[in-house]
Protein backbone atom coordinates (compact mmCIF):
# COMPACT_ATOMS: atom_id res chain seq x y z
CA UNK A 1 70.40 -45.11 178.89
CA UNK A 2 73.15 -42.54 179.42
CA UNK A 3 74.27 -44.19 182.67
CA UNK A 4 74.62 -47.53 180.90
CA UNK A 5 76.50 -45.84 178.07
CA UNK A 6 78.99 -44.34 180.54
CA UNK A 7 79.63 -47.80 181.98
CA UNK A 8 80.06 -49.22 178.50
CA UNK A 9 82.63 -46.58 177.54
CA UNK A 10 84.61 -47.30 180.71
CA UNK A 11 84.47 -51.00 179.81
CA UNK A 12 85.87 -50.24 176.34
CA UNK A 13 88.73 -48.21 177.79
CA UNK A 14 89.69 -50.51 180.67
CA UNK A 15 88.87 -54.06 179.62
CA UNK A 16 88.91 -53.87 175.84
CA UNK A 17 91.74 -51.28 175.82
CA UNK A 18 90.10 -49.57 172.87
CA UNK A 19 91.78 -46.48 171.46
CA UNK A 20 90.54 -43.02 172.40
CA UNK A 21 89.33 -42.52 168.84
CA UNK A 22 87.30 -45.75 168.91
CA UNK A 23 85.67 -44.81 172.20
CA UNK A 24 84.78 -41.36 170.85
CA UNK A 25 83.29 -42.82 167.66
CA UNK A 26 81.21 -45.38 169.59
CA UNK A 27 79.95 -42.64 171.90
CA UNK A 28 78.98 -40.43 168.96
CA UNK A 29 77.24 -43.31 167.14
CA UNK A 30 75.23 -44.32 170.20
CA UNK A 31 74.30 -40.72 171.03
CA UNK A 32 72.79 -40.38 167.55
CA UNK A 33 70.76 -43.55 168.03
CA UNK A 34 69.46 -42.44 171.41
CA UNK A 35 68.13 -39.22 169.86
CA UNK A 36 66.33 -41.19 167.13
CA UNK A 37 64.81 -43.75 169.50
CA UNK A 38 63.61 -41.09 171.94
CA UNK A 39 61.85 -39.19 169.14
CA UNK A 40 60.38 -42.37 167.66
CA UNK A 41 58.98 -43.46 171.04
CA UNK A 42 57.90 -39.97 172.12
CA UNK A 43 59.96 -39.98 175.31
CA UNK A 44 62.70 -37.76 176.69
CA UNK A 45 66.29 -38.88 176.13
CA UNK A 46 66.77 -39.30 179.88
CA UNK A 47 63.72 -41.57 180.13
CA UNK A 48 64.83 -43.95 177.37
CA UNK A 49 65.64 -47.46 178.59
CA UNK A 50 67.40 -50.30 176.75
CA UNK A 51 64.35 -52.56 177.05
CA UNK A 52 62.33 -50.10 174.93
CA UNK A 53 64.50 -50.78 171.86
CA UNK A 54 63.17 -53.65 169.74
CA UNK A 55 64.51 -55.30 166.57
CA UNK A 56 61.80 -53.49 164.58
CA UNK A 57 62.93 -50.14 165.98
CA UNK A 58 66.56 -50.96 165.21
CA UNK A 59 65.63 -51.73 161.58
CA UNK A 60 63.77 -48.41 161.37
CA UNK A 61 66.84 -46.61 162.64
CA UNK A 62 69.21 -48.24 160.14
CA UNK A 63 66.74 -47.61 157.29
CA UNK A 64 66.62 -43.97 158.38
CA UNK A 65 70.43 -43.73 158.23
CA UNK A 66 70.58 -45.41 154.82
CA UNK A 67 67.89 -43.04 153.54
CA UNK A 68 70.06 -40.07 154.53
CA UNK A 69 72.74 -41.30 152.13
CA UNK A 70 75.08 -42.76 154.75
CA UNK A 71 77.76 -44.92 153.15
CA UNK A 72 77.61 -48.65 153.71
CA UNK A 73 80.85 -48.70 155.70
CA UNK A 74 79.66 -45.86 157.95
CA UNK A 75 76.42 -47.76 158.53
CA UNK A 76 78.40 -50.87 159.39
CA UNK A 77 80.38 -48.92 161.97
CA UNK A 78 77.18 -47.74 163.66
CA UNK A 79 75.76 -51.26 163.64
CA UNK A 80 78.99 -52.52 165.21
CA UNK A 81 78.79 -49.85 167.94
CA UNK A 82 75.21 -50.76 168.84
CA UNK A 83 75.87 -54.50 168.60
CA UNK A 84 78.79 -54.18 171.00
CA UNK A 85 76.75 -51.97 173.35
CA UNK A 86 73.85 -54.43 173.51
CA UNK A 87 76.24 -57.33 173.98
CA UNK A 88 77.64 -55.48 176.99
CA UNK A 89 74.12 -54.85 178.36
CA UNK A 90 73.31 -58.55 178.04
CA UNK A 91 76.52 -59.50 179.79
CA UNK A 92 75.69 -57.12 182.65
CA UNK A 93 72.17 -58.60 182.97
CA UNK A 94 70.48 -55.30 182.06
CA UNK A 95 68.59 -56.84 179.12
CA UNK A 96 67.93 -60.49 178.26
CA UNK A 97 68.02 -60.41 174.47
CA UNK A 98 70.16 -58.48 172.02
CA UNK A 99 67.77 -56.79 169.56
CA UNK A 100 70.53 -56.92 166.93
CA UNK A 101 71.03 -60.68 167.25
CA UNK A 102 68.86 -61.54 164.25
CA UNK A 103 69.65 -58.45 162.16
CA UNK A 104 72.18 -59.21 159.42
CA UNK A 105 74.78 -56.58 158.57
CA UNK A 106 75.17 -55.44 154.94
CA UNK A 107 78.32 -56.54 153.15
CA UNK A 108 81.26 -54.21 153.56
CA UNK A 109 82.38 -52.19 150.56
CA UNK A 110 85.89 -53.38 149.83
CA UNK A 111 88.15 -50.57 148.76
CA UNK A 112 91.77 -51.33 148.03
CA UNK A 113 93.88 -49.23 150.41
CA UNK A 114 96.49 -46.90 149.00
CA UNK A 115 100.07 -48.04 149.41
CA UNK A 116 103.43 -46.46 148.79
CA UNK A 117 105.96 -47.88 146.39
CA UNK A 118 109.12 -49.05 148.12
CA UNK A 119 111.04 -46.04 146.82
CA UNK A 120 108.34 -43.71 148.19
CA UNK A 121 108.40 -45.43 151.58
CA UNK A 122 112.18 -45.06 151.66
CA UNK A 123 111.95 -41.33 150.89
CA UNK A 124 109.37 -40.86 153.63
CA UNK A 125 111.18 -42.65 156.47
CA UNK A 126 114.46 -40.95 155.55
CA UNK A 127 112.89 -37.47 155.38
CA UNK A 128 113.73 -36.53 159.02
CA UNK A 129 117.32 -35.36 159.23
CA UNK A 130 118.45 -36.82 162.54
CA UNK A 131 120.09 -33.66 163.88
CA UNK A 132 118.13 -32.99 167.09
CA UNK A 133 115.96 -34.92 169.61
CA UNK A 134 112.67 -34.33 167.79
CA UNK A 135 114.03 -35.42 164.41
CA UNK A 136 115.69 -38.46 166.00
CA UNK A 137 112.26 -39.31 167.41
CA UNK A 138 110.57 -38.75 164.07
CA UNK A 139 113.05 -40.94 162.18
CA UNK A 140 112.68 -43.75 164.72
CA UNK A 141 108.89 -43.46 164.71
CA UNK A 142 108.58 -43.58 160.92
CA UNK A 143 111.01 -46.48 160.70
CA UNK A 144 108.96 -48.44 163.27
CA UNK A 145 105.67 -47.63 161.53
CA UNK A 146 106.98 -49.04 158.26
CA UNK A 147 109.02 -51.89 159.75
CA UNK A 148 106.31 -53.21 162.08
CA UNK A 149 103.05 -52.19 160.38
CA UNK A 150 101.57 -50.93 163.64
CA UNK A 151 98.26 -49.13 164.04
CA UNK A 152 98.46 -45.52 165.21
CA UNK A 153 97.14 -46.34 168.70
CA UNK A 154 99.65 -49.18 168.99
CA UNK A 155 102.71 -47.07 168.21
CA UNK A 156 101.68 -44.10 170.38
CA UNK A 157 100.86 -46.59 173.15
CA UNK A 158 104.36 -48.11 173.15
CA UNK A 159 106.37 -47.85 176.37
CA UNK A 160 110.13 -48.13 176.75
CA UNK A 161 109.65 -51.56 178.34
CA UNK A 162 108.02 -52.81 175.14
CA UNK A 163 111.25 -52.49 173.17
CA UNK A 164 113.83 -55.30 172.96
CA UNK A 165 116.70 -53.84 170.96
CA UNK A 166 119.00 -56.82 171.50
CA UNK A 167 116.42 -59.15 170.00
CA UNK A 168 115.11 -56.63 167.49
CA UNK A 169 111.47 -56.84 168.61
CA UNK A 170 108.73 -54.65 169.99
CA UNK A 171 105.79 -55.82 172.08
CA UNK A 172 102.52 -54.42 170.75
CA UNK A 173 99.09 -54.39 172.38
CA UNK A 174 96.48 -54.44 169.65
CA UNK A 175 92.70 -54.47 169.57
CA UNK A 176 91.13 -56.26 172.50
CA UNK A 177 94.42 -55.91 174.44
CA UNK A 178 95.90 -58.75 172.37
CA UNK A 179 99.66 -58.86 172.71
CA UNK A 180 102.01 -59.70 169.87
CA UNK A 181 105.76 -59.50 169.21
CA UNK A 182 106.79 -57.86 165.95
CA UNK A 183 110.33 -57.86 164.52
CA UNK A 184 111.83 -54.49 163.66
CA UNK A 185 114.60 -55.00 161.15
CA UNK A 186 118.01 -53.35 161.12
CA UNK A 187 116.99 -49.85 160.03
CA UNK A 188 114.27 -49.45 162.67
CA UNK A 189 116.48 -50.96 165.39
CA UNK A 190 119.33 -48.57 164.56
CA UNK A 191 116.98 -45.56 164.50
CA UNK A 192 115.48 -46.55 167.86
CA UNK A 193 118.93 -46.98 169.38
CA UNK A 194 119.90 -43.46 168.28
CA UNK A 195 116.65 -42.00 169.60
CA UNK A 196 116.86 -43.76 172.98
CA UNK A 197 120.50 -42.81 173.42
CA UNK A 198 120.58 -39.24 172.11
CA UNK A 199 116.99 -38.05 171.62
CA UNK A 200 114.58 -39.25 174.28
CA UNK A 201 116.77 -38.35 177.32
CA UNK A 202 116.79 -34.72 176.12
CA UNK A 203 113.00 -34.66 175.74
CA UNK A 204 112.34 -35.82 179.29
CA UNK A 205 111.32 -32.96 181.60
CA UNK A 206 112.88 -34.05 184.88
CA UNK A 207 111.65 -30.99 186.75
CA UNK A 208 108.08 -32.32 186.63
CA UNK A 209 109.07 -35.01 189.10
CA UNK A 210 107.09 -37.74 187.32
CA UNK A 211 108.36 -40.71 185.35
CA UNK A 212 107.11 -40.90 181.77
CA UNK A 213 107.21 -44.46 180.45
CA UNK A 214 106.02 -43.63 176.93
CA UNK A 215 108.51 -44.49 174.19
CA UNK A 216 107.72 -41.55 171.92
CA UNK A 217 107.54 -38.17 173.67
CA UNK A 218 106.36 -34.79 172.46
CA UNK A 219 108.31 -31.58 172.90
CA UNK A 220 107.03 -31.10 176.49
CA UNK A 221 108.10 -34.58 177.59
CA UNK A 222 104.69 -36.27 177.54
CA UNK A 223 103.36 -39.17 175.49
CA UNK A 224 102.96 -38.23 171.83
CA UNK A 225 99.27 -38.22 170.86
CA UNK A 226 97.77 -39.86 167.74
CA UNK A 227 96.92 -36.39 166.43
CA UNK A 228 100.51 -35.29 166.93
CA UNK A 229 101.74 -38.32 165.02
CA UNK A 230 99.37 -37.63 162.12
CA UNK A 231 100.58 -34.04 161.87
CA UNK A 232 104.22 -35.14 161.91
CA UNK A 233 103.62 -37.72 159.21
CA UNK A 234 101.73 -35.23 157.06
CA UNK A 235 104.62 -32.77 157.21
CA UNK A 236 107.21 -35.38 156.22
CA UNK A 237 105.01 -36.69 153.40
CA UNK A 238 105.00 -33.17 151.94
CA UNK A 239 108.75 -32.91 152.42
CA UNK A 240 109.25 -36.26 150.67
CA UNK A 241 107.14 -35.05 147.74
CA UNK A 242 104.50 -37.78 148.09
CA UNK A 243 101.23 -37.16 146.24
CA UNK A 244 97.87 -37.50 147.97
CA UNK A 245 97.07 -38.12 151.59
CA UNK A 246 99.49 -40.24 153.59
CA UNK A 247 98.28 -41.56 156.95
CA UNK A 248 99.79 -43.97 159.49
CA UNK A 249 97.53 -46.64 157.99
CA UNK A 250 99.12 -45.99 154.59
CA UNK A 251 102.41 -47.23 156.02
CA UNK A 252 100.62 -50.21 157.57
CA UNK A 253 99.12 -51.10 154.18
CA UNK A 254 102.51 -50.62 152.53
CA UNK A 255 104.18 -52.86 155.12
CA UNK A 256 101.74 -55.72 154.41
CA UNK A 257 101.82 -55.32 150.63
CA UNK A 258 105.60 -55.17 150.39
CA UNK A 259 105.88 -58.33 152.50
CA UNK A 260 103.52 -60.18 150.17
CA UNK A 261 105.32 -58.77 147.11
CA UNK A 262 108.50 -60.25 148.56
CA UNK A 263 106.92 -63.70 148.92
CA UNK A 264 105.79 -63.68 152.57
CA UNK A 265 103.17 -66.22 153.63
CA UNK A 266 99.70 -64.73 154.13
CA UNK A 267 99.35 -66.21 157.62
CA UNK A 268 102.67 -64.69 158.67
CA UNK A 269 101.42 -61.28 157.52
CA UNK A 270 98.17 -61.89 159.42
CA UNK A 271 100.13 -62.56 162.60
CA UNK A 272 102.37 -59.52 162.15
CA UNK A 273 99.36 -57.23 161.57
CA UNK A 274 97.44 -58.67 164.52
CA UNK A 275 94.37 -59.55 162.43
CA UNK A 276 91.93 -61.91 164.11
CA UNK A 277 90.66 -63.24 160.77
CA UNK A 278 92.60 -64.25 157.70
CA UNK A 279 89.88 -62.72 155.51
CA UNK A 280 90.88 -59.27 156.82
CA UNK A 281 94.43 -59.82 155.59
CA UNK A 282 93.38 -61.21 152.21
CA UNK A 283 92.60 -57.72 150.89
CA UNK A 284 96.35 -57.30 150.50
CA UNK A 285 96.57 -60.24 148.10
CA UNK A 286 94.18 -58.41 145.76
CA UNK A 287 96.25 -55.28 146.20
CA UNK A 288 99.43 -57.11 145.34
CA UNK A 289 97.87 -58.53 142.19
CA UNK A 290 96.80 -55.04 141.11
CA UNK A 291 100.32 -53.74 141.63
CA UNK A 292 101.80 -56.65 139.68
CA UNK A 293 99.40 -56.00 136.80
CA UNK A 294 100.32 -52.30 136.73
CA UNK A 295 104.03 -53.14 136.59
CA UNK A 296 103.38 -55.71 133.86
CA UNK A 297 101.30 -53.28 131.79
CA UNK A 298 103.94 -50.60 132.17
CA UNK A 299 107.02 -52.68 131.42
CA UNK A 300 106.10 -55.64 129.21
CA UNK A 301 106.69 -54.92 125.50
CA UNK A 302 103.47 -56.72 124.46
CA UNK A 303 101.27 -55.82 127.41
C-alpha cells in the first residue's frame, strides 16, 4: 500500500499540481486509514493491499472517526483523500472497483467565512511602509492578495513571467493546474511596479549563480513559502489593529464579498476565484446578505 501511496503523492504534485499542504494532508489522512485497516484485518501495515479494503471496511473506518468526535468537515476531507486515492488506483489498473463509489458523503457544514470591512482591508494592505525591499514586497503581496483573491499556494507560486503590468493582469494556476487571468487594479499594479523596480532586484542573490523565477522572494533570495506569507500577514494584521485571526483566505473571502457588495455578477466572481462550481461561490451571497442586514440594523432608525 505504501508504494502505491508514494506514486499517488507524486501524481498529485506533478499532474494535479496540488499544493504542498494538500499533499501533506492527503498523506496524513491515508496513513491514518492504513493503520486502521491493518489492525482491523490483523495484518502488518506493509502487507496491506488495496484489494483488501471493501466498502464495508470503509464504512467501519468512517464510523470509527465519527465516534471519536471528528468534525463533519474533517471527515469529509478524509473521505475526499481516500476517494481520490482509490480513483487513482482504478486509473492505474491496480484495482477494478472503487470501494467508495457507492458511499455517500455527509453534507458539509456551511460556516460563513470571516471577512474584513473595506476600511479594515485598506488598513491592512497599507500597513507596510514601502521603505526597503522587504516592505516593498510585502505591500505588493498584500495588494495582490486583496486585488486578485488568490489562494496562498497561487500567490506564492507566481513567477515573474505570470505578471502583465501593461495589461494589469496576473496569470494564476489554481487547483488541478487550471489557468486563469485575474485583473489587478491600479493599486496592486502600482505596488508591483515599485517592488519589481526597486525591491526584487535587491533581494536577488546573484552570487548563488542560479536564476530564481519566483515573483515574491524571501530575504535570502528564494521563493517565499506559504508559511512565510502567513507569518508576514499575521504581523501586519497586528500592526493594523485587526481583531481576531487574519489569514490569506480572509483576504480572498473579503475580495469576493466586496465585489458582490459592489454589484458584481456571481458568475464573474466564480471565474475570478477559480471555482469549478457556482455552488462554491454562492456562500458569498449569504455572507453579503448578513453584512447588509448588520448595516441595516445598525443604521436604520426603525430597525
